[in-house]
């Protein structure tokens, strides 16, 4: 009997694999669609924020100044508490009172010289204008001067021949100036002084409360961001970097401003310019205003030097000395120190100073760079804002 053989099983062919061309043609991930509505909302939010900052500048400026002052004085208050167990409220009050007293004493001691400089600036400007007119009259042989002289002679001839100076039917109007009223000048100045003192008092009191409260603001931020440990760590890193960067920036600015003030005062004293100490203090204070302060000191000192000496050579010497000092410190020393203390690029600094100066005026010029430092620290740690941080960074 023949052995039984198992039927042959049908052969199973493997499934065809996709070709390499098909795989290469299939994109891995599709690009996200362009969301025009989201972009419009972002721009509306940005413009609304800018409008709010401009409208509420009287409130925002004291708050930012208080935060900067708190950031600068917080290490001293912390040291007094840890080393000598001095209460935070007492140390904060002592530091703020010493700061206000020092500023008031310096302003009072230099008030006479400053008032003399302010009174001398219009006189110097008038003298420069008269000198320029004298130079233009001396060179009156040009074609334009000849034409003007001929026109004046023709006008005088027509008036001598009886031709009326005004057209027929036109009534001559004489504008009389109102009488001098002291209240028109005293009252606006008084309001400005009261407003400035009120803002200074707001800055001092708000700084006192922030310094006396210790790390209350940090704990409130941690409560706001939520219970996640990772979010807490990001918030702490962000706050620490802002404090470190702002303190380093303030230290660099104070050191370079003091150097500019001392160098300017000594240079003006060597050149024989009056009120050299006042000019040194003005140069130190205005050095805190980027790009604008140096121009103000250079132009003002050159005008006063022209009034005092009466020669353009001394005016150029005084203005050149100021410009040399600001150029040396501003273009060599300050960028080198700032690059070690801040991660902002020069283009972002210049554009930011212009933008904040447009928003808040002189205060915007002073506060623009610290605000940019804080914005850069926030953008580096928020995923959605990292392109902005990359744009501001070196």
Protein backbone atom coordinates (compact mmCIF):
# COMPACT_ATOMS: atom_id res chain seq x y z
CA UNK A 1 0.00 0.00 0.00
CA UNK A 2 1.45 3.31 -1.05
CA UNK A 3 2.12 5.83 1.67
CA UNK A 4 -0.17 8.76 1.82
CA UNK A 5 1.47 12.11 1.00
CA UNK A 6 0.28 15.40 2.46
CA UNK A 7 -1.16 17.79 -0.04
CA UNK A 8 1.17 20.59 -0.98
CA UNK A 9 0.27 23.79 0.81
CA UNK A 10 -0.30 26.77 -1.46
CA UNK A 11 2.64 29.21 -1.55
CA UNK A 12 1.96 32.55 0.16
CA UNK A 13 3.57 35.49 -1.61
CA UNK A 14 4.86 38.36 0.61
CA UNK A 15 3.10 41.69 0.44
CA UNK A 16 4.81 44.20 -1.80
CA UNK A 17 6.77 46.82 0.11
CA UNK A 18 6.40 50.45 -0.84
CA UNK A 19 9.02 51.60 -3.22
CA UNK A 20 11.74 54.01 -2.21
CA UNK A 21 10.37 56.64 -4.57
CA UNK A 22 6.98 56.57 -2.90
CA UNK A 23 8.55 56.83 0.57
CA UNK A 24 10.71 59.70 -0.52
CA UNK A 25 7.75 61.51 -2.08
CA UNK A 26 5.62 61.21 1.07
CA UNK A 27 6.38 64.12 3.44
CA UNK A 28 7.15 63.23 7.05
CA UNK A 29 5.13 66.07 8.57
CA UNK A 30 2.95 68.62 6.86
CA UNK A 31 3.79 72.29 7.53
CA UNK A 32 1.38 74.02 9.88
CA UNK A 33 -1.17 76.24 8.19
CA UNK A 34 -0.77 80.00 8.35
CA UNK A 35 -3.08 81.36 11.04
CA UNK A 36 -3.92 84.92 10.05
CA UNK A 37 -6.46 85.37 12.86
CA UNK A 38 -3.89 84.45 15.52
CA UNK A 39 -1.32 86.84 14.04
CA UNK A 40 -3.89 89.64 14.03
CA UNK A 41 -4.73 88.98 17.67
CA UNK A 42 -1.05 89.06 18.61
CA UNK A 43 -0.56 92.41 16.90
CA UNK A 44 -3.70 93.83 18.50
CA UNK A 45 -2.48 92.72 21.92
CA UNK A 46 0.95 94.25 21.27
CA UNK A 47 -0.49 97.59 20.12
CA UNK A 48 -2.88 97.64 23.08
CA UNK A 49 0.02 97.07 25.46
CA UNK A 50 2.02 99.90 23.90
CA UNK A 51 -0.95 102.26 24.10
CA UNK A 52 -1.55 101.29 27.74
CA UNK A 53 2.11 101.87 28.65
CA UNK A 54 2.01 105.30 27.04
CA UNK A 55 -1.29 106.25 28.64
CA UNK A 56 -0.37 104.96 32.12
CA UNK A 57 3.20 106.29 32.13
CA UNK A 58 2.57 108.28 35.32
CA UNK A 59 1.91 104.99 37.14
CA UNK A 60 4.27 102.64 35.31
CA UNK A 61 7.39 104.80 35.64
CA UNK A 62 7.35 104.96 39.48
CA UNK A 63 6.71 101.21 39.64
CA UNK A 64 9.68 100.41 37.38
CA UNK A 65 11.90 102.85 39.29
CA UNK A 66 10.87 101.21 42.56
CA UNK A 67 11.69 97.74 41.22
CA UNK A 68 15.12 98.92 40.07
CA UNK A 69 15.83 100.61 43.41
CA UNK A 70 14.70 97.50 45.26
CA UNK A 71 16.93 95.33 43.09
CA UNK A 72 19.90 97.59 43.85
CA UNK A 73 19.36 97.84 47.63
CA UNK A 74 18.13 94.31 48.33
CA UNK A 75 21.64 92.82 48.89
CA UNK A 76 22.44 95.46 51.53
CA UNK A 77 19.17 94.83 53.37
CA UNK A 78 19.74 91.08 53.19
CA UNK A 79 23.30 91.45 54.52
CA UNK A 80 22.20 93.57 57.48
CA UNK A 81 19.51 91.02 58.34
CA UNK A 82 21.75 87.96 58.09
CA UNK A 83 24.84 89.48 59.75
CA UNK A 84 23.47 91.83 62.41
CA UNK A 85 19.80 90.79 62.60
CA UNK A 86 18.68 94.30 61.76
CA UNK A 87 14.95 94.32 60.93
CA UNK A 88 14.28 94.69 57.23
CA UNK A 89 11.96 97.66 57.74
CA UNK A 90 14.58 99.54 59.78
CA UNK A 91 17.44 98.88 57.36
CA UNK A 92 15.28 99.74 54.34
CA UNK A 93 14.17 103.01 55.93
CA UNK A 94 17.77 103.92 56.85
CA UNK A 95 19.10 103.20 53.37
CA UNK A 96 16.33 105.12 51.61
CA UNK A 97 16.63 108.11 53.95
CA UNK A 98 20.41 108.19 53.44
CA UNK A 99 19.95 108.05 49.66
CA UNK A 100 17.35 110.83 49.61
CA UNK A 101 19.41 112.98 51.99
CA UNK A 102 22.52 112.54 49.85
CA UNK A 103 20.68 113.52 46.68
CA UNK A 104 19.06 116.50 48.38
CA UNK A 105 22.36 117.69 49.88
CA UNK A 106 24.20 117.40 46.57
CA UNK A 107 21.44 119.24 44.74
CA UNK A 108 21.36 122.02 47.35
CA UNK A 109 25.13 122.50 47.33
CA UNK A 110 25.24 122.75 43.55
CA UNK A 111 22.01 124.70 43.10
CA UNK A 112 23.68 128.13 42.80
CA UNK A 113 26.12 126.98 40.14
CA UNK A 114 23.41 125.12 38.29
CA UNK A 115 21.16 128.20 38.24
CA UNK A 116 24.03 130.28 36.89
CA UNK A 117 24.60 127.74 34.13
CA UNK A 118 20.92 127.70 33.24
CA UNK A 119 20.88 131.50 33.07
CA UNK A 120 24.05 131.55 30.97
CA UNK A 121 22.80 129.15 28.29
CA UNK A 122 20.31 131.60 26.63
CA UNK A 123 22.92 134.37 26.71
CA UNK A 124 25.49 132.07 25.12
CA UNK A 125 23.00 131.03 22.45
CA UNK A 126 22.26 134.69 21.62
CA UNK A 127 25.95 135.47 21.41
CA UNK A 128 26.55 132.57 19.04
CA UNK A 129 23.64 133.72 16.87
CA UNK A 130 24.96 137.28 16.76
CA UNK A 131 28.41 136.01 15.86
CA UNK A 132 27.02 133.92 13.02
CA UNK A 133 25.09 136.93 11.74
CA UNK A 134 28.25 139.01 11.83
CA UNK A 135 30.07 136.37 9.82
CA UNK A 136 27.26 136.26 7.29
CA UNK A 137 27.27 140.06 6.94
CA UNK A 138 31.02 140.07 6.44
CA UNK A 139 30.63 137.69 3.51
CA UNK A 140 27.75 139.55 1.84
CA UNK A 141 29.31 139.48 -1.61
CA UNK A 142 27.43 136.35 -2.57
CA UNK A 143 24.68 136.38 -5.17
CA UNK A 144 21.91 135.78 -2.65
CA UNK A 145 23.04 138.69 -0.48
CA UNK A 146 23.20 140.95 -3.55
CA UNK A 147 19.68 140.01 -4.59
CA UNK A 148 18.39 140.62 -1.08
CA UNK A 149 20.09 144.02 -0.99
CA UNK A 150 18.58 144.96 -4.36
CA UNK A 151 15.11 143.90 -3.19
CA UNK A 152 15.48 146.03 -0.07
CA UNK A 153 16.50 149.08 -2.14
CA UNK A 154 13.55 148.60 -4.49
CA UNK A 155 11.16 148.37 -1.56
CA UNK A 156 12.57 151.52 -0.02
CA UNK A 157 12.29 153.35 -3.36
CA UNK A 158 8.65 152.40 -3.78
CA UNK A 159 7.88 153.54 -0.24
CA UNK A 160 9.63 156.88 -0.89
CA UNK A 161 7.58 157.40 -4.09
CA UNK A 162 4.36 157.19 -2.15
CA UNK A 163 3.38 153.61 -3.02
CA UNK A 164 1.51 152.17 -0.03
CA UNK A 165 3.19 149.24 1.67
CA UNK A 166 -0.05 147.31 1.85
CA UNK A 167 -2.56 146.48 -0.81
CA UNK A 168 -5.77 148.49 -1.13
CA UNK A 169 -8.62 147.06 0.88
CA UNK A 170 -6.35 145.16 3.28
CA UNK A 171 -6.56 146.24 6.90
CA UNK A 172 -3.37 146.26 8.94
CA UNK A 173 -3.61 144.28 12.17
CA UNK A 174 -1.36 145.00 15.13
CA UNK A 175 -0.97 142.20 17.68
CA UNK A 176 -0.34 143.42 21.21
CA UNK A 177 1.34 141.14 23.67
CA UNK A 178 -0.57 140.53 26.91
CA UNK A 179 0.85 142.11 30.06
CA UNK A 180 3.33 140.11 32.08
CA UNK A 181 1.64 137.93 34.65
CA UNK A 182 3.71 136.11 37.25
CA UNK A 183 1.07 133.42 37.74
CA UNK A 184 1.47 132.32 34.10
CA UNK A 185 5.04 131.25 34.89
CA UNK A 186 4.92 130.35 38.58
CA UNK A 187 1.81 128.19 38.54
CA UNK A 188 2.91 125.69 35.82
CA UNK A 189 6.33 125.41 37.44
CA UNK A 190 4.73 124.81 40.82
CA UNK A 191 2.49 122.09 39.41
CA UNK A 192 5.47 120.41 37.78
CA UNK A 193 7.46 120.55 41.03
CA UNK A 194 4.56 119.14 43.05
CA UNK A 195 4.05 116.35 40.50
CA UNK A 196 7.75 115.47 40.57
CA UNK A 197 7.83 115.40 44.38
CA UNK A 198 4.71 113.24 44.45
CA UNK A 199 6.27 110.71 42.07
CA UNK A 200 9.50 110.73 44.11
CA UNK A 201 7.52 110.05 47.28
CA UNK A 202 5.67 107.21 45.53
CA UNK A 203 8.98 105.65 44.46
CA UNK A 204 10.42 105.90 47.97
CA UNK A 205 7.38 104.43 49.73
CA UNK A 206 6.93 101.62 47.21
CA UNK A 207 10.62 100.75 47.44
CA UNK A 208 10.37 100.70 51.23
CA UNK A 209 7.45 98.27 51.18
CA UNK A 210 9.20 96.00 48.68
CA UNK A 211 12.43 95.97 50.69
CA UNK A 212 10.66 95.46 54.02
CA UNK A 213 8.58 92.56 52.69
CA UNK A 214 11.64 90.47 51.83
CA UNK A 215 10.87 87.65 49.38
CA UNK A 216 7.11 88.23 49.47
CA UNK A 217 6.98 89.11 45.78
CA UNK A 218 8.83 85.93 44.83
CA UNK A 219 6.51 83.76 46.91
CA UNK A 220 3.48 85.41 45.32
CA UNK A 221 4.87 84.66 41.87
CA UNK A 222 5.32 81.02 42.80
CA UNK A 223 1.73 80.87 43.98
CA UNK A 224 0.52 82.40 40.73
CA UNK A 225 2.38 80.03 38.38
CA UNK A 226 0.87 76.92 39.99
CA UNK A 227 2.00 73.86 41.95
CA UNK A 228 4.20 72.30 39.23
CA UNK A 229 7.80 71.86 40.33
CA UNK A 230 9.18 72.52 36.85
CA UNK A 231 7.26 75.78 36.56
CA UNK A 232 8.52 76.83 39.99
CA UNK A 233 12.11 76.19 38.92
CA UNK A 234 11.69 78.16 35.69
CA UNK A 235 10.18 81.10 37.60
CA UNK A 236 12.99 81.08 40.18
CA UNK A 237 15.66 80.94 37.48
CA UNK A 238 13.98 83.79 35.63
CA UNK A 239 13.79 86.00 38.73
CA UNK A 240 17.40 85.25 39.71
CA UNK A 241 18.70 86.06 36.24
CA UNK A 242 16.75 89.33 36.11
CA UNK A 243 18.13 90.39 39.50
CA UNK A 244 21.70 89.43 38.58
CA UNK A 245 21.66 91.08 35.16
CA UNK A 246 20.04 94.30 36.39
CA UNK A 247 22.42 94.62 39.35
CA UNK A 248 25.45 94.15 37.12
CA UNK A 249 24.10 96.68 34.64
CA UNK A 250 23.44 99.25 37.38
CA UNK A 251 26.91 98.69 38.84
CA UNK A 252 28.54 99.22 35.43
CA UNK A 253 26.48 102.36 34.79
CA UNK A 254 27.27 103.87 38.19
CA UNK A 255 30.98 103.15 37.85
CA UNK A 256 31.29 104.52 34.31
CA UNK A 257 29.15 107.58 35.17
CA UNK A 258 31.38 108.38 38.14
CA UNK A 259 34.45 108.01 35.91
CA UNK A 260 32.95 110.31 33.26
CA UNK A 261 31.98 112.90 35.88
CA UNK A 262 35.43 113.01 37.51
CA UNK A 263 37.24 113.13 34.16
CA UNK A 264 34.94 115.87 32.81
CA UNK A 265 35.28 117.98 35.93
CA UNK A 266 39.08 117.73 35.92
CA UNK A 267 39.31 118.48 32.19
CA UNK A 268 37.09 121.55 32.48
CA UNK A 269 39.01 122.75 35.54
CA UNK A 270 42.29 122.41 33.61
CA UNK A 271 40.83 124.40 30.71
CA UNK A 272 39.65 127.14 33.08
CA UNK A 273 35.90 126.70 32.59
CA UNK A 274 33.76 128.10 35.38
CA UNK A 275 31.57 125.79 37.48
CA UNK A 276 33.65 122.76 36.53
CA UNK A 277 32.25 120.74 39.46
CA UNK A 278 28.68 121.38 38.32
CA UNK A 279 29.57 120.26 34.82
CA UNK A 280 31.17 117.11 36.23
CA UNK A 281 28.02 116.21 38.15
CA UNK A 282 25.88 116.98 35.09
CA UNK A 283 28.10 114.77 32.93
CA UNK A 284 27.85 111.91 35.45
CA UNK A 285 24.06 112.13 35.64
CA UNK A 286 23.49 112.57 31.91
CA UNK A 287 25.82 109.68 31.14
CA UNK A 288 23.01 107.43 32.38
CA UNK A 289 20.98 108.55 29.34
CA UNK A 290 22.42 106.62 26.38
CA UNK A 291 23.43 108.54 23.24
CA UNK A 292 21.65 111.75 24.27
CA UNK A 293 23.35 112.73 27.52
CA UNK A 294 26.80 113.09 25.96
CA UNK A 295 25.45 115.35 23.20
CA UNK A 296 23.72 117.59 25.74
CA UNK A 297 26.87 117.98 27.85
CA UNK A 298 29.08 118.61 24.82
CA UNK A 299 26.79 121.22 23.27
CA UNK A 300 25.98 123.01 26.53
CA UNK A 301 29.57 123.20 27.72
CA UNK A 302 30.72 124.49 24.32
CA UNK A 303 28.11 127.28 24.43
CA UNK A 304 29.08 128.31 27.95
CA UNK A 305 32.77 128.22 27.04
CA UNK A 306 32.09 130.51 24.07
CA UNK A 307 30.27 132.93 26.39
CA UNK A 308 33.07 132.87 28.95
CA UNK A 309 36.13 133.05 26.69
CA UNK A 310 34.61 134.71 23.64
CA UNK A 311 36.61 132.67 21.13
CA UNK A 312 35.50 129.68 19.05
CA UNK A 313 38.80 127.92 19.74
CA UNK A 314 38.09 127.54 23.46
CA UNK A 315 34.54 126.46 22.75
CA UNK A 316 35.86 123.77 20.43
CA UNK A 317 38.45 122.74 23.01
CA UNK A 318 35.87 122.33 25.78
CA UNK A 319 33.40 120.53 23.53
CA UNK A 320 36.16 118.33 22.12
CA UNK A 321 37.33 117.34 25.60
CA UNK A 322 33.82 116.28 26.57
CA UNK A 323 33.34 114.41 23.32
CA UNK A 324 36.69 112.64 23.72
CA UNK A 325 35.85 111.49 27.26
CA UNK A 326 32.39 110.22 26.30
CA UNK A 327 33.74 108.51 23.19
CA UNK A 328 36.55 106.82 25.09
CA UNK A 329 34.29 105.58 27.89
CA UNK A 330 31.19 104.98 25.79
CA UNK A 331 32.80 103.19 22.85
CA UNK A 332 35.57 101.25 24.58
CA UNK A 333 35.00 100.77 28.28
CA UNK A 334 31.21 100.60 28.56
CA UNK A 335 30.64 98.08 25.70
CA UNK A 336 33.35 95.81 27.10
CA UNK A 337 31.85 95.87 30.59
CA UNK A 338 28.28 95.63 29.29
CA UNK A 339 29.13 92.59 27.17
CA UNK A 340 30.30 90.86 30.33
CA UNK A 341 27.21 91.82 32.33
CA UNK A 342 24.44 91.71 29.71
CA UNK A 343 23.51 89.44 26.80
CA UNK A 344 21.86 92.12 24.64
CA UNK A 345 23.18 92.99 21.21
CA UNK A 346 23.92 96.65 20.33
CA UNK A 347 21.20 96.88 17.67
CA UNK A 348 18.53 95.76 20.14
CA UNK A 349 19.87 98.20 22.75
CA UNK A 350 19.74 101.15 20.35
CA UNK A 351 16.28 100.29 19.01
CA UNK A 352 14.95 99.61 22.51
CA UNK A 353 16.26 102.91 23.86
CA UNK A 354 14.61 104.76 20.96
CA UNK A 355 11.31 102.95 21.52
CA UNK A 356 11.20 103.51 25.27
CA UNK A 357 12.32 107.10 24.84
CA UNK A 358 9.37 107.64 22.51
CA UNK A 359 7.02 106.04 25.03
CA UNK A 360 8.25 107.65 28.28
CA UNK A 361 10.56 110.47 27.26
CA UNK A 362 13.69 110.92 29.40
CA UNK A 363 12.57 108.23 31.83
CA UNK A 364 12.28 105.82 28.94
CA UNK A 365 15.87 106.54 27.96
CA UNK A 366 16.95 105.72 31.51
CA UNK A 367 14.79 102.63 32.00
CA UNK A 368 14.86 101.16 28.50
CA UNK A 369 17.88 98.88 28.90
CA UNK A 370 16.86 97.36 32.29
CA UNK A 371 13.43 96.62 30.85
CA UNK A 372 15.02 94.94 27.83
CA UNK A 373 17.18 92.83 30.17
CA UNK A 374 14.07 91.63 32.00
CA UNK A 375 12.24 90.93 28.72
CA UNK A 376 15.24 88.94 27.45
CA UNK A 377 15.33 86.81 30.61
CA UNK A 378 11.62 86.03 30.32
CA UNK A 379 11.76 85.23 26.61
CA UNK A 380 14.68 82.83 27.03
CA UNK A 381 12.63 80.63 29.40
CA UNK A 382 9.23 80.70 27.70
CA UNK A 383 9.06 78.38 24.69
CA UNK A 384 6.65 80.55 22.70
CA UNK A 385 8.83 83.67 23.20
CA UNK A 386 12.25 82.20 22.49
CA UNK A 387 12.43 83.76 18.99
CA UNK A 388 12.14 87.19 20.62
CA UNK A 389 14.91 86.30 23.07
CA UNK A 390 17.08 85.15 20.18
CA UNK A 391 16.42 88.45 18.40
CA UNK A 392 17.50 90.46 21.45
CA UNK A 393 20.55 88.35 22.31
CA UNK A 394 24.12 88.47 21.08
